[in-house]
Amino acid sequence: MTAPAQLSGAITVSSFKRKPPPLPVRYGFAAVMFGVFTPLMWGAEKLGRADRMFKSMRARQLRELAKGNPFKEYVPGTQDVIVATYPKSGTNWMMQIAHQLVYNGQAEFDHIHNFVPWPDVMPPFMQGYAIPLELADHWKTSPGQRRVIKSHYDWNLLPHSDQARYIMVIRDPKDVFVSSYHFVKEIMFGRAMPSVDTWFKVFLSRGFMGGDWAENTAGYWEQRHRPNVLVMSFKAMKRDLRGTVLKVAEFMDLHPSAEVVDEVCRRSSFDYMKRIDDKFRPWQVGPWRPEPTMIRSGKQGGSSELMSREQQRQMDAHFIEELKRLNCDFPYEEFCDLAR
């Protein structure tokens, strides 16, 4: 299926509107977060046990997941383009590229998740955060006849189909570490955010809330030879945005004109997305807090912002060894800036 070659007017066809949880639920969650969790985190940090708290949280996540995968029995179709990433690895960036390609560079939205489903969004009170799969039928009238779906799941947890397409983005774990620290501090923990050293310790463990970077990467990389899987490097995306857009368009079997490609590149640039940050932001955890920032810096190779050179080398060595343990031939130095 091919997209029309010419630009058309701005397109807004989704009738879904994200609904934040009721105010009492938001205040209740915030009260627990800041009145209970914050002092617990402070105490755990002082006692050197904050990493145990995070491991316990991850164990709870896994128990909830074991009860049922939110994708349930869904079988993706030819219309589905699943953008799967480890958290803080360029998810919104790739969603924007793919979604704009579907709409010839003319997609307008109040929020990206009025169009893009995210079945594995957690916790339960966040279920109104993104349009449900069963309601996301706007693809039927889209120029490109495609629907973008977001997921942070490892490959083994995604719904598999030879008919669907899977775009996976892999980012340098050092940059993921820095981005995740700022994001979690802003959206959740605030003053209760543990030290960088504690975050570093947790990130290198299998108790990190986003899962294990090496296992996620190994799972994605193993699928790269499938004709319906495209594994992208965040580093390469930063180096060549236009080449990225063209590669994604070809993979999605869309054939945009040069004019459309120019517009998709413009709307997928860091400066443009930064200006419309509110269209990608999550909800406020506390109704009284300022809204968090989603598009922060988008840097490649900026881990010195939080990490010492020794920590950078240690992280590289750790994940290279973990990938070897998993019998994965992932070309680490091609995707990541190896600390010297």
Foldseek 3Di string as FASTA:
>chain_A
DAFDADADAADDDQPADQDAFPQVVLQVLVCCQVVPVLVVLVVCLVVVNNLVVLLVVQVVVVVVVVVDQLCHQDADALQEEEEEEQPPQCQVLVLLLVVCLQQLLRYDDLASQSQEAERPDDDPSCNSVHDDPVRNPCLVVTRNSHGYYYYHDAPVSDRDDLNHAYEYEAAAVLSVLVLVQQQCCQQGRPVSRHASVSSLVNQLDQSHNSGHSLRSVLRLQVCCPRLRYHYHFLVVCVVDVLVVSVVVCVSSVYDYHPVSSVSSSVCSDLVNCQVSQSNHFGDHSHPPHDTDGDSDPSDAPPSVVRDDLVSQQVVVVSSVVVNVVVVGPPPNVVRHPHRD
